[in-house]
Amino acid sequence: MAAGSAPMQLQLRATIRLKNGLCVPRKWTYLLTEESTDLRTEGRPDMKTKLFSSSCPDGIMLKETGQGYQRFLLYNRSPHPPEKCVEEFQSLTSCLNSKAFLLTPRNEEACELTSN
């Protein structure tokens, strides 16, 4: 990346079911600059994100730190990542003092998307 060039972008999308049952699409844009190993979340200057290497070809692991919280995330292109990927993630987060592990259900029926 040339000096002064725009940061590279990584976009992650999900559909999240709210407590009222409605499904809402979400999109996060992470910015990476040459000067830093941290990712920045677009629109969230208070949040820092670190990207961890993974042996899973279709997944990435992130650690997000904001005002008063930190969380570890495993993103995968498949709704059912290989068990070795989940085990690797659990192992890494346990070494980083993670106290709880939440596996959210992933299936195509969880939230139907309709086009307008």
PDB file of N, CA and C in Angstrom:
ATOM      1  N   MET A   1       0.851  -1.157   0.000  1.00  0.00           N
ATOM      2  CA  MET A   1       0.000   0.000   0.000  1.00  0.00           C
ATOM      3  C   MET A   1       0.905   1.230   0.000  1.00  0.00           C
ATOM      4  N   ALA A   2       0.645   2.155  -0.859  1.00  0.00           N
ATOM      5  CA  ALA A   2       1.451   3.369  -0.976  1.00  0.00           C
ATOM      6  C   ALA A   2       1.115   4.340   0.142  1.00  0.00           C
ATOM      7  N   ALA A   3       2.123   5.131   0.529  1.00  0.00           N
ATOM      8  CA  ALA A   3       1.901   6.122   1.578  1.00  0.00           C
ATOM      9  C   ALA A   3       0.789   7.074   1.163  1.00  0.00           C
ATOM     10  N   GLY A   4      -0.112   7.363   2.095  1.00  0.00           N
ATOM     11  CA  GLY A   4      -1.205   8.287   1.809  1.00  0.00           C
ATOM     12  C   GLY A   4      -2.386   7.640   1.111  1.00  0.00           C
ATOM     13  N   SER A   5      -2.300   6.338   0.809  1.00  0.00           N
ATOM     14  CA  SER A   5      -3.416   5.695   0.122  1.00  0.00           C
ATOM     15  C   SER A   5      -4.533   5.369   1.121  1.00  0.00           C
ATOM     16  N   ALA A   6      -5.701   5.115   0.595  1.00  0.00           N
ATOM     17  CA  ALA A   6      -6.863   4.813   1.433  1.00  0.00           C
ATOM     18  C   ALA A   6      -6.663   3.464   2.115  1.00  0.00           C
ATOM     19  N   PRO A   7      -7.219   3.301   3.314  1.00  0.00           N
ATOM     20  CA  PRO A   7      -7.095   2.014   4.000  1.00  0.00           C
ATOM     21  C   PRO A   7      -7.825   0.913   3.244  1.00  0.00           C
ATOM     22  N   MET A   8      -7.329  -0.309   3.379  1.00  0.00           N
ATOM     23  CA  MET A   8      -8.021  -1.459   2.800  1.00  0.00           C
ATOM     24  C   MET A   8      -9.224  -1.757   3.680  1.00  0.00           C
ATOM     25  N   GLN A   9     -10.275  -2.351   3.086  1.00  0.00           N
ATOM     26  CA  GLN A   9     -11.513  -2.613   3.815  1.00  0.00           C
ATOM     27  C   GLN A   9     -11.834  -4.102   3.826  1.00  0.00           C
ATOM     28  N   LEU A  10     -12.366  -4.545   4.944  1.00  0.00           N
ATOM     29  CA  LEU A  10     -12.885  -5.884   5.100  1.00  0.00           C
ATOM     30  C   LEU A  10     -14.327  -5.718   5.552  1.00  0.00           C
ATOM     31  N   GLN A  11     -15.281  -6.228   4.768  1.00  0.00           N
ATOM     32  CA  GLN A  11     -16.694  -6.095   5.125  1.00  0.00           C
ATOM     33  C   GLN A  11     -17.249  -7.448   5.558  1.00  0.00           C
ATOM     34  N   LEU A  12     -17.904  -7.454   6.716  1.00  0.00           N
ATOM     35  CA  LEU A  12     -18.548  -8.650   7.235  1.00  0.00           C
ATOM     36  C   LEU A  12     -20.030  -8.359   7.387  1.00  0.00           C
ATOM     37  N   ARG A  13     -20.861  -9.325   6.983  1.00  0.00           N
ATOM     38  CA  ARG A  13     -22.306  -9.145   7.042  1.00  0.00           C
ATOM     39  C   ARG A  13     -22.951 -10.293   7.806  1.00  0.00           C
ATOM     40  N   ALA A  14     -24.060  -9.988   8.435  1.00  0.00           N
ATOM     41  CA  ALA A  14     -24.844 -10.998   9.141  1.00  0.00           C
ATOM     42  C   ALA A  14     -26.285 -10.519   9.216  1.00  0.00           C
ATOM     43  N   THR A  15     -27.180 -11.442   9.478  1.00  0.00           N
ATOM     44  CA  THR A  15     -28.570 -11.110   9.765  1.00  0.00           C
ATOM     45  C   THR A  15     -28.826 -11.547  11.192  1.00  0.00           C
ATOM     46  N   ILE A  16     -29.266 -10.619  12.016  1.00  0.00           N
ATOM     47  CA  ILE A  16     -29.421 -10.864  13.444  1.00  0.00           C
ATOM     48  C   ILE A  16     -30.900 -10.846  13.798  1.00  0.00           C
ATOM     49  N   ARG A  17     -31.318 -11.867  14.554  1.00  0.00           N
ATOM     50  CA  ARG A  17     -32.707 -11.906  15.018  1.00  0.00           C
ATOM     51  C   ARG A  17     -32.803 -11.122  16.324  1.00  0.00           C
ATOM     52  N   LEU A  18     -33.708 -10.136  16.349  1.00  0.00           N
ATOM     53  CA  LEU A  18     -33.925  -9.316  17.540  1.00  0.00           C
ATOM     54  C   LEU A  18     -34.847 -10.039  18.512  1.00  0.00           C
ATOM     55  N   LYS A  19     -34.953  -9.532  19.732  1.00  0.00           N
ATOM     56  CA  LYS A  19     -35.810 -10.141  20.757  1.00  0.00           C
ATOM     57  C   LYS A  19     -37.256 -10.227  20.306  1.00  0.00           C
ATOM     58  N   ASN A  20     -37.701  -9.279  19.471  1.00  0.00           N
ATOM     59  CA  ASN A  20     -39.092  -9.279  19.013  1.00  0.00           C
ATOM     60  C   ASN A  20     -39.323 -10.223  17.829  1.00  0.00           C
ATOM     61  N   GLY A  21     -38.271 -10.947  17.413  1.00  0.00           N
ATOM     62  CA  GLY A  21     -38.400 -11.925  16.335  1.00  0.00           C
ATOM     63  C   GLY A  21     -38.071 -11.397  14.949  1.00  0.00           C
ATOM     64  N   LEU A  22     -37.953 -10.077  14.810  1.00  0.00           N
ATOM     65  CA  LEU A  22     -37.609  -9.508  13.503  1.00  0.00           C
ATOM     66  C   LEU A  22     -36.147  -9.763  13.169  1.00  0.00           C
ATOM     67  N   CYS A  23     -35.858  -9.954  11.896  1.00  0.00           N
ATOM     68  CA  CYS A  23     -34.488 -10.158  11.435  1.00  0.00           C
ATOM     69  C   CYS A  23     -33.985  -8.862  10.810  1.00  0.00           C
ATOM     70  N   VAL A  24     -32.791  -8.463  11.232  1.00  0.00           N
ATOM     71  CA  VAL A  24     -32.220  -7.203  10.778  1.00  0.00           C
ATOM     72  C   VAL A  24     -30.851  -7.466  10.161  1.00  0.00           C
ATOM     73  N   PRO A  25     -30.646  -7.031   8.908  1.00  0.00           N
ATOM     74  CA  PRO A  25     -29.301  -7.201   8.328  1.00  0.00           C
ATOM     75  C   PRO A  25     -28.327  -6.217   8.965  1.00  0.00           C
ATOM     76  N   ARG A  26     -27.112  -6.679   9.200  1.00  0.00           N
ATOM     77  CA  ARG A  26     -26.050  -5.836   9.765  1.00  0.00           C
ATOM     78  C   ARG A  26     -24.814  -5.964   8.879  1.00  0.00           C
ATOM     79  N   LYS A  27     -24.028  -4.890   8.874  1.00  0.00           N
ATOM     80  CA  LYS A  27     -22.785  -4.900   8.113  1.00  0.00           C
ATOM     81  C   LYS A  27     -21.742  -4.146   8.922  1.00  0.00           C
ATOM     82  N   TRP A  28     -20.562  -4.718   9.020  1.00  0.00           N
ATOM     83  CA  TRP A  28     -19.443  -4.080   9.695  1.00  0.00           C
ATOM     84  C   TRP A  28     -18.322  -3.901   8.685  1.00  0.00           C
ATOM     85  N   THR A  29     -17.731  -2.722   8.663  1.00  0.00           N
ATOM     86  CA  THR A  29     -16.597  -2.460   7.784  1.00  0.00           C
ATOM     87  C   THR A  29     -15.380  -2.205   8.661  1.00  0.00           C
ATOM     88  N   TYR A  30     -14.376  -3.057   8.481  1.00  0.00           N
ATOM     89  CA  TYR A  30     -13.118  -2.918   9.204  1.00  0.00           C
ATOM     90  C   TYR A  30     -12.099  -2.278   8.266  1.00  0.00           C
ATOM     91  N   LEU A  31     -11.321  -1.348   8.792  1.00  0.00           N
ATOM     92  CA  LEU A  31     -10.319  -0.632   8.004  1.00  0.00           C
ATOM     93  C   LEU A  31      -8.927  -1.038   8.468  1.00  0.00           C
ATOM     94  N   LEU A  32      -8.043  -1.311   7.523  1.00  0.00           N
ATOM     95  CA  LEU A  32      -6.666  -1.700   7.814  1.00  0.00           C
ATOM     96  C   LEU A  32      -5.729  -0.725   7.114  1.00  0.00           C
ATOM     97  N   THR A  33      -4.832  -0.141   7.893  1.00  0.00           N
ATOM     98  CA  THR A  33      -3.836   0.772   7.316  1.00  0.00           C
ATOM     99  C   THR A  33      -2.458   0.137   7.421  1.00  0.00           C
ATOM    100  N   GLU A  34      -1.563   0.594   6.599  1.00  0.00           N
ATOM    101  CA  GLU A  34      -0.217   0.031   6.552  1.00  0.00           C
ATOM    102  C   GLU A  34       0.547   0.284   7.846  1.00  0.00           C
ATOM    103  N   GLU A  35       0.263   1.377   8.527  1.00  0.00           N
ATOM    104  CA  GLU A  35       1.018   1.758   9.719  1.00  0.00           C
ATOM    105  C   GLU A  35       0.639   0.954  10.958  1.00  0.00           C
ATOM    106  N   SER A  36      -0.417   0.169  10.922  1.00  0.00           N
ATOM    107  CA  SER A  36      -0.918  -0.472  12.126  1.00  0.00           C
ATOM    108  C   SER A  36      -1.325  -1.916  11.863  1.00  0.00           C
ATOM    109  N   THR A  37      -1.183  -2.743  12.886  1.00  0.00           N
ATOM    110  CA  THR A  37      -1.671  -4.117  12.788  1.00  0.00           C
ATOM    111  C   THR A  37      -3.101  -4.236  13.301  1.00  0.00           C
ATOM    112  N   ASP A  38      -3.624  -3.157  13.888  1.00  0.00           N
ATOM    113  CA  ASP A  38      -5.005  -3.145  14.371  1.00  0.00           C
ATOM    114  C   ASP A  38      -5.953  -2.807  13.236  1.00  0.00           C
ATOM    115  N   LEU A  39      -7.142  -3.371  13.320  1.00  0.00           N
ATOM    116  CA  LEU A  39      -8.220  -2.984  12.419  1.00  0.00           C
ATOM    117  C   LEU A  39      -9.040  -1.926  13.131  1.00  0.00           C
ATOM    118  N   ARG A  40      -9.605  -1.006  12.403  1.00  0.00           N
ATOM    119  CA  ARG A  40     -10.527  -0.008  12.952  1.00  0.00           C
ATOM    120  C   ARG A  40     -11.900  -0.297  12.391  1.00  0.00           C
ATOM    121  N   THR A  41     -12.916  -0.144  13.224  1.00  0.00           N
ATOM    122  CA  THR A  41     -14.281  -0.354  12.770  1.00  0.00           C
ATOM    123  C   THR A  41     -14.839   0.975  12.309  1.00  0.00           C
ATOM    124  N   GLU A  42     -15.277   1.014  11.058  1.00  0.00           N
ATOM    125  CA  GLU A  42     -15.818   2.240  10.492  1.00  0.00           C
ATOM    126  C   GLU A  42     -16.988   2.724  11.342  1.00  0.00           C
ATOM    127  N   GLY A  43     -16.954   4.015  11.710  1.00  0.00           N
ATOM    128  CA  GLY A  43     -18.014   4.599  12.511  1.00  0.00           C
ATOM    129  C   GLY A  43     -17.890   4.323  14.001  1.00  0.00           C
ATOM    130  N   ARG A  44     -16.867   3.600  14.420  1.00  0.00           N
ATOM    131  CA  ARG A  44     -16.658   3.272  15.838  1.00  0.00           C
ATOM    132  C   ARG A  44     -15.207   3.564  16.226  1.00  0.00           C
ATOM    133  N   PRO A  45     -14.813   4.829  16.336  1.00  0.00           N
ATOM    134  CA  PRO A  45     -13.418   5.165  16.629  1.00  0.00           C
ATOM    135  C   PRO A  45     -12.941   4.662  17.986  1.00  0.00           C
ATOM    136  N   ASP A  46     -13.875   4.360  18.912  1.00  0.00           N
ATOM    137  CA  ASP A  46     -13.502   3.871  20.241  1.00  0.00           C
ATOM    138  C   ASP A  46     -13.176   2.382  20.253  1.00  0.00           C
ATOM    139  N   MET A  47     -13.484   1.658  19.180  1.00  0.00           N
ATOM    140  CA  MET A  47     -13.296   0.213  19.138  1.00  0.00           C
ATOM    141  C   MET A  47     -11.977  -0.133  18.441  1.00  0.00           C
ATOM    142  N   LYS A  48     -11.235  -1.057  19.056  1.00  0.00           N
ATOM    143  CA  LYS A  48     -10.017  -1.587  18.443  1.00  0.00           C
ATOM    144  C   LYS A  48     -10.243  -3.057  18.159  1.00  0.00           C
ATOM    145  N   THR A  49      -9.741  -3.513  17.037  1.00  0.00           N
ATOM    146  CA  THR A  49      -9.922  -4.902  16.640  1.00  0.00           C
ATOM    147  C   THR A  49      -8.589  -5.486  16.224  1.00  0.00           C
ATOM    148  N   LYS A  50      -8.255  -6.644  16.770  1.00  0.00           N
ATOM    149  CA  LYS A  50      -7.051  -7.366  16.385  1.00  0.00           C
ATOM    150  C   LYS A  50      -7.473  -8.603  15.612  1.00  0.00           C
ATOM    151  N   LEU A  51      -6.748  -8.883  14.560  1.00  0.00           N
ATOM    152  CA  LEU A  51      -6.991 -10.043  13.701  1.00  0.00           C
ATOM    153  C   LEU A  51      -5.985 -11.117  14.064  1.00  0.00           C
ATOM    154  N   PHE A  52      -6.461 -12.340  14.318  1.00  0.00           N
ATOM    155  CA  PHE A  52      -5.594 -13.458  14.670  1.00  0.00           C
ATOM    156  C   PHE A  52      -5.500 -14.422  13.497  1.00  0.00           C
ATOM    157  N   SER A  53      -4.355 -15.049  13.353  1.00  0.00           N
ATOM    158  CA  SER A  53      -4.195 -16.046  12.298  1.00  0.00           C
ATOM    159  C   SER A  53      -4.977 -17.302  12.692  1.00  0.00           C
ATOM    160  N   SER A  54      -5.403 -18.023  11.676  1.00  0.00           N
ATOM    161  CA  SER A  54      -6.205 -19.223  11.894  1.00  0.00           C
ATOM    162  C   SER A  54      -5.844 -20.253  10.840  1.00  0.00           C
ATOM    163  N   SER A  55      -5.946 -21.523  11.221  1.00  0.00           N
ATOM    164  CA  SER A  55      -5.700 -22.585  10.247  1.00  0.00           C
ATOM    165  C   SER A  55      -6.950 -22.889   9.422  1.00  0.00           C
ATOM    166  N   CYS A  56      -8.055 -22.220   9.716  1.00  0.00           N
ATOM    167  CA  CYS A  56      -9.308 -22.437   8.991  1.00  0.00           C
ATOM    168  C   CYS A  56      -9.337 -21.588   7.724  1.00  0.00           C
ATOM    169  N   PRO A  57      -9.414 -22.207   6.563  1.00  0.00           N
ATOM    170  CA  PRO A  57      -9.341 -21.437   5.320  1.00  0.00           C
ATOM    171  C   PRO A  57     -10.525 -20.507   5.081  1.00  0.00           C
ATOM    172  N   ASP A  58     -11.693 -20.800   5.647  1.00  0.00           N
ATOM    173  CA  ASP A  58     -12.884 -19.981   5.405  1.00  0.00           C
ATOM    174  C   ASP A  58     -13.289 -19.165   6.616  1.00  0.00           C
ATOM    175  N   GLY A  59     -12.370 -18.961   7.567  1.00  0.00           N
ATOM    176  CA  GLY A  59     -12.729 -18.246   8.775  1.00  0.00           C
ATOM    177  C   GLY A  59     -11.653 -17.282   9.222  1.00  0.00           C
ATOM    178  N   ILE A  60     -12.067 -16.328  10.070  1.00  0.00           N
ATOM    179  CA  ILE A  60     -11.134 -15.405  10.691  1.00  0.00           C
ATOM    180  C   ILE A  60     -11.514 -15.266  12.156  1.00  0.00           C
ATOM    181  N   MET A  61     -10.524 -14.947  12.973  1.00  0.00           N
ATOM    182  CA  MET A  61     -10.751 -14.724  14.394  1.00  0.00           C
ATOM    183  C   MET A  61     -10.386 -13.293  14.729  1.00  0.00           C
ATOM    184  N   LEU A  62     -11.264 -12.630  15.496  1.00  0.00           N
ATOM    185  CA  LEU A  62     -11.065 -11.242  15.877  1.00  0.00           C
ATOM    186  C   LEU A  62     -11.198 -11.077  17.383  1.00  0.00           C
ATOM    187  N   LYS A  63     -10.496 -10.084  17.907  1.00  0.00           N
ATOM    188  CA  LYS A  63     -10.697  -9.641  19.290  1.00  0.00           C
ATOM    189  C   LYS A  63     -11.083  -8.172  19.209  1.00  0.00           C
ATOM    190  N   GLU A  64     -12.284  -7.855  19.677  1.00  0.00           N
ATOM    191  CA  GLU A  64     -12.759  -6.472  19.691  1.00  0.00           C
ATOM    192  C   GLU A  64     -12.705  -5.933  21.116  1.00  0.00           C
ATOM    193  N   THR A  65     -12.173  -4.727  21.252  1.00  0.00           N
ATOM    194  CA  THR A  65     -12.105  -4.053  22.535  1.00  0.00           C
ATOM    195  C   THR A  65     -12.731  -2.681  22.380  1.00  0.00           C
ATOM    196  N   GLY A  66     -13.703  -2.385  23.218  1.00  0.00           N
ATOM    197  CA  GLY A  66     -14.369  -1.084  23.187  1.00  0.00           C
ATOM    198  C   GLY A  66     -14.356  -0.467  24.562  1.00  0.00           C
ATOM    199  N   GLN A  67     -15.284   0.410  24.809  1.00  0.00           N
ATOM    200  CA  GLN A  67     -15.365   1.079  26.102  1.00  0.00           C
ATOM    201  C   GLN A  67     -15.947   0.115  27.130  1.00  0.00           C
ATOM    202  N   GLY A  68     -15.070  -0.481  27.927  1.00  0.00           N
ATOM    203  CA  GLY A  68     -15.502  -1.356  29.001  1.00  0.00           C
ATOM    204  C   GLY A  68     -15.807  -2.794  28.622  1.00  0.00           C
ATOM    205  N   TYR A  69     -15.464  -3.247  27.455  1.00  0.00           N
ATOM    206  CA  TYR A  69     -15.720  -4.644  27.105  1.00  0.00           C
ATOM    207  C   TYR A  69     -14.662  -5.151  26.130  1.00  0.00           C
ATOM    208  N   GLN A  70     -14.576  -6.470  26.059  1.00  0.00           N
ATOM    209  CA  GLN A  70     -13.807  -7.117  25.003  1.00  0.00           C
ATOM    210  C   GLN A  70     -14.543  -8.389  24.624  1.00  0.00           C
ATOM    211  N   ARG A  71     -14.466  -8.742  23.356  1.00  0.00           N
ATOM    212  CA  ARG A  71     -15.097  -9.973  22.907  1.00  0.00           C
ATOM    213  C   ARG A  71     -14.258 -10.573  21.790  1.00  0.00           C
ATOM    214  N   PHE A  72     -14.334 -11.889  21.693  1.00  0.00           N
ATOM    215  CA  PHE A  72     -13.628 -12.628  20.660  1.00  0.00           C
ATOM    216  C   PHE A  72     -14.678 -13.168  19.696  1.00  0.00           C
ATOM    217  N   LEU A  73     -14.401 -13.059  18.413  1.00  0.00           N
ATOM    218  CA  LEU A  73     -15.366 -13.465  17.394  1.00  0.00           C
ATOM    219  C   LEU A  73     -14.726 -14.416  16.398  1.00  0.00           C
ATOM    220  N   LEU A  74     -15.474 -15.408  16.006  1.00  0.00           N
ATOM    221  CA  LEU A  74     -15.066 -16.317  14.934  1.00  0.00           C
ATOM    222  C   LEU A  74     -16.068 -16.135  13.805  1.00  0.00           C
ATOM    223  N   TYR A  75     -15.612 -15.613  12.694  1.00  0.00           N
ATOM    224  CA  TYR A  75     -16.452 -15.480  11.502  1.00  0.00           C
ATOM    225  C   TYR A  75     -16.076 -16.606  10.555  1.00  0.00           C
ATOM    226  N   ASN A  76     -17.083 -17.220   9.943  1.00  0.00           N
ATOM    227  CA  ASN A  76     -16.833 -18.292   8.985  1.00  0.00           C
ATOM    228  C   ASN A  76     -17.832 -18.189   7.857  1.00  0.00           C
ATOM    229  N   ARG A  77     -17.413 -18.505   6.658  1.00  0.00           N
ATOM    230  CA  ARG A  77     -18.321 -18.451   5.495  1.00  0.00           C
ATOM    231  C   ARG A  77     -19.385 -19.531   5.548  1.00  0.00           C
ATOM    232  N   SER A  78     -19.094 -20.612   6.239  1.00  0.00           N
ATOM    233  CA  SER A  78     -20.030 -21.722   6.338  1.00  0.00           C
ATOM    234  C   SER A  78     -20.894 -21.571   7.583  1.00  0.00           C
ATOM    235  N   PRO A  79     -22.188 -21.897   7.506  1.00  0.00           N
ATOM    236  CA  PRO A  79     -23.017 -21.853   8.712  1.00  0.00           C
ATOM    237  C   PRO A  79     -22.609 -22.928   9.724  1.00  0.00           C
ATOM    238  N   HIS A  80     -21.851 -23.921   9.280  1.00  0.00           N
ATOM    239  CA  HIS A  80     -21.379 -25.000  10.152  1.00  0.00           C
ATOM    240  C   HIS A  80     -19.876 -25.181   9.946  1.00  0.00           C
ATOM    241  N   PRO A  81     -19.060 -24.348  10.621  1.00  0.00           N
ATOM    242  CA  PRO A  81     -17.610 -24.465  10.438  1.00  0.00           C
ATOM    243  C   PRO A  81     -17.111 -25.816  10.942  1.00  0.00           C
ATOM    244  N   PRO A  82     -15.991 -26.280  10.392  1.00  0.00           N
ATOM    245  CA  PRO A  82     -15.430 -27.555  10.860  1.00  0.00           C
ATOM    246  C   PRO A  82     -15.163 -27.511  12.368  1.00  0.00           C
ATOM    247  N   GLU A  83     -15.367 -28.633  13.026  1.00  0.00           N
ATOM    248  CA  GLU A  83     -15.179 -28.719  14.478  1.00  0.00           C
ATOM    249  C   GLU A  83     -13.775 -28.289  14.891  1.00  0.00           C
ATOM    250  N   LYS A  84     -12.764 -28.589  14.059  1.00  0.00           N
ATOM    251  CA  LYS A  84     -11.390 -28.204  14.414  1.00  0.00           C
ATOM    252  C   LYS A  84     -11.245 -26.685  14.479  1.00  0.00           C
ATOM    253  N   CYS A  85     -12.018 -25.954  13.667  1.00  0.00           N
ATOM    254  CA  CYS A  85     -11.977 -24.488  13.705  1.00  0.00           C
ATOM    255  C   CYS A  85     -12.568 -23.961  15.012  1.00  0.00           C
ATOM    256  N   VAL A  86     -13.684 -24.535  15.422  1.00  0.00           N
ATOM    257  CA  VAL A  86     -14.325 -24.118  16.668  1.00  0.00           C
ATOM    258  C   VAL A  86     -13.421 -24.462  17.854  1.00  0.00           C
ATOM    259  N   GLU A  87     -12.811 -25.655  17.822  1.00  0.00           N
ATOM    260  CA  GLU A  87     -11.908 -26.052  18.904  1.00  0.00           C
ATOM    261  C   GLU A  87     -10.692 -25.128  18.969  1.00  0.00           C
ATOM    262  N   GLU A  88     -10.137 -24.754  17.822  1.00  0.00           N
ATOM    263  CA  GLU A  88      -8.999 -23.833  17.791  1.00  0.00           C
ATOM    264  C   GLU A  88      -9.395 -22.482  18.391  1.00  0.00           C
ATOM    265  N   PHE A  89     -10.573 -22.008  18.041  1.00  0.00           N
ATOM    266  CA  PHE A  89     -11.075 -20.740  18.570  1.00  0.00           C
ATOM    267  C   PHE A  89     -11.247 -20.812  20.088  1.00  0.00           C
ATOM    268  N   GLN A  90     -11.855 -21.888  20.579  1.00  0.00           N
ATOM    269  CA  GLN A  90     -12.051 -22.058  22.019  1.00  0.00           C
ATOM    270  C   GLN A  90     -10.709 -22.124  22.747  1.00  0.00           C
ATOM    271  N   SER A  91      -9.750 -22.801  22.164  1.00  0.00           N
ATOM    272  CA  SER A  91      -8.432 -22.908  22.773  1.00  0.00           C
ATOM    273  C   SER A  91      -7.755 -21.545  22.862  1.00  0.00           C
ATOM    274  N   LEU A  92      -7.802 -20.781  21.781  1.00  0.00           N
ATOM    275  CA  LEU A  92      -7.188 -19.457  21.767  1.00  0.00           C
ATOM    276  C   LEU A  92      -7.857 -18.533  22.777  1.00  0.00           C
ATOM    277  N   THR A  93      -9.171 -18.518  22.799  1.00  0.00           N
ATOM    278  CA  THR A  93      -9.864 -17.598  23.699  1.00  0.00           C
ATOM    279  C   THR A  93      -9.688 -17.999  25.159  1.00  0.00           C
ATOM    280  N   SER A  94      -9.562 -19.287  25.444  1.00  0.00           N
ATOM    281  CA  SER A  94      -9.332 -19.694  26.833  1.00  0.00           C
ATOM    282  C   SER A  94      -7.956 -19.227  27.302  1.00  0.00           C
ATOM    283  N   CYS A  95      -6.969 -19.192  26.422  1.00  0.00           N
ATOM    284  CA  CYS A  95      -5.633 -18.686  26.765  1.00  0.00           C
ATOM    285  C   CYS A  95      -5.647 -17.175  26.971  1.00  0.00           C
ATOM    286  N   LEU A  96      -6.651 -16.500  26.451  1.00  0.00           N
ATOM    287  CA  LEU A  96      -6.754 -15.042  26.561  1.00  0.00           C
ATOM    288  C   LEU A  96      -7.773 -14.628  27.620  1.00  0.00           C
ATOM    289  N   ASN A  97      -8.009 -15.509  28.588  1.00  0.00           N
ATOM    290  CA  ASN A  97      -8.871 -15.236  29.737  1.00  0.00           C
ATOM    291  C   ASN A  97     -10.347 -15.069  29.397  1.00  0.00           C
ATOM    292  N   SER A  98     -10.811 -15.756  28.375  1.00  0.00           N
ATOM    293  CA  SER A  98     -12.240 -15.723  28.070  1.00  0.00           C
ATOM    294  C   SER A  98     -12.991 -16.514  29.134  1.00  0.00           C
ATOM    295  N   LYS A  99     -14.090 -15.961  29.622  1.00  0.00           N
ATOM    296  CA  LYS A  99     -14.842 -16.590  30.710  1.00  0.00           C
ATOM    297  C   LYS A  99     -16.067 -17.366  30.215  1.00  0.00           C
ATOM    298  N   ALA A 100     -16.588 -17.035  29.043  1.00  0.00           N
ATOM    299  CA  ALA A 100     -17.780 -17.712  28.529  1.00  0.00           C
ATOM    300  C   ALA A 100     -17.641 -17.896  27.027  1.00  0.00           C
ATOM    301  N   PHE A 101     -18.290 -18.927  26.517  1.00  0.00           N
ATOM    302  CA  PHE A 101     -18.258 -19.216  25.090  1.00  0.00           C
ATOM    303  C   PHE A 101     -19.690 -19.361  24.615  1.00  0.00           C
ATOM    304  N   LEU A 102     -20.076 -18.566  23.608  1.00  0.00           N
ATOM    305  CA  LEU A 102     -21.434 -18.598  23.081  1.00  0.00           C
ATOM    306  C   LEU A 102     -21.366 -19.001  21.621  1.00  0.00           C
ATOM    307  N   LEU A 103     -22.052 -20.067  21.292  1.00  0.00           N
ATOM    308  CA  LEU A 103     -22.147 -20.514  19.908  1.00  0.00           C
ATOM    309  C   LEU A 103     -23.551 -20.192  19.429  1.00  0.00           C
ATOM    310  N   THR A 104     -23.655 -19.210  18.533  1.00  0.00           N
ATOM    311  CA  THR A 104     -24.980 -18.830  18.046  1.00  0.00           C
ATOM    312  C   THR A 104     -25.403 -19.780  16.937  1.00  0.00           C
ATOM    313  N   PRO A 105     -26.666 -20.156  16.907  1.00  0.00           N
ATOM    314  CA  PRO A 105     -27.128 -21.087  15.865  1.00  0.00           C
ATOM    315  C   PRO A 105     -27.027 -20.443  14.494  1.00  0.00           C
ATOM    316  N   ARG A 106     -26.575 -21.217  13.566  1.00  0.00           N
ATOM    317  CA  ARG A 106     -26.429 -20.742  12.188  1.00  0.00           C
ATOM    318  C   ARG A 106     -27.132 -21.710  11.263  1.00  0.00           C
ATOM    319  N   ASN A 107     -28.220 -21.264  10.680  1.00  0.00           N
ATOM    320  CA  ASN A 107     -28.861 -22.051   9.636  1.00  0.00           C
ATOM    321  C   ASN A 107     -29.590 -21.100   8.711  1.00  0.00           C
ATOM    322  N   GLU A 108     -29.874 -21.571   7.523  1.00  0.00           N
ATOM    323  CA  GLU A 108     -30.469 -20.710   6.501  1.00  0.00           C
ATOM    324  C   GLU A 108     -31.887 -20.303   6.853  1.00  0.00           C
ATOM    325  N   GLU A 109     -32.566 -21.052   7.724  1.00  0.00           N
ATOM    326  CA  GLU A 109     -33.937 -20.731   8.083  1.00  0.00           C
ATOM    327  C   GLU A 109     -34.012 -19.735   9.242  1.00  0.00           C
ATOM    328  N   ALA A 110     -32.882 -19.428   9.885  1.00  0.00           N
ATOM    329  CA  ALA A 110     -32.904 -18.584  11.079  1.00  0.00           C
ATOM    330  C   ALA A 110     -33.545 -17.224  10.777  1.00  0.00           C
ATOM    331  N   CYS A 111     -33.188 -16.605   9.697  1.00  0.00           N
ATOM    332  CA  CYS A 111     -33.768 -15.324   9.303  1.00  0.00           C
ATOM    333  C   CYS A 111     -33.912 -15.318   7.785  1.00  0.00           C
ATOM    334  N   GLU A 112     -35.134 -15.253   7.322  1.00  0.00           N
ATOM    335  CA  GLU A 112     -35.346 -15.185   5.876  1.00  0.00           C
ATOM    336  C   GLU A 112     -35.194 -13.753   5.413  1.00  0.00           C
ATOM    337  N   LEU A 113     -34.479 -13.584   4.324  1.00  0.00           N
ATOM    338  CA  LEU A 113     -34.318 -12.265   3.736  1.00  0.00           C
ATOM    339  C   LEU A 113     -35.232 -12.149   2.528  1.00  0.00           C
ATOM    340  N   THR A 114     -35.890 -11.015   2.396  1.00  0.00           N
ATOM    341  CA  THR A 114     -36.723 -10.777   1.226  1.00  0.00           C
ATOM    342  C   THR A 114     -36.201  -9.545   0.509  1.00  0.00           C
ATOM    343  N   SER A 115     -36.287  -9.574  -0.790  1.00  0.00           N
ATOM    344  CA  SER A 115     -35.817  -8.399  -1.543  1.00  0.00           C
ATOM    345  C   SER A 115     -36.986  -7.455  -1.780  1.00  0.00           C
ATOM    346  N   ASN A 116     -36.699  -6.170  -1.751  1.00  0.00           N
ATOM    347  CA  ASN A 116     -37.741  -5.146  -1.963  1.00  0.00           C
ATOM    348  C   ASN A 116     -37.714  -4.652  -3.383  1.00  0.00           C
TER     349      ASN A 116
END
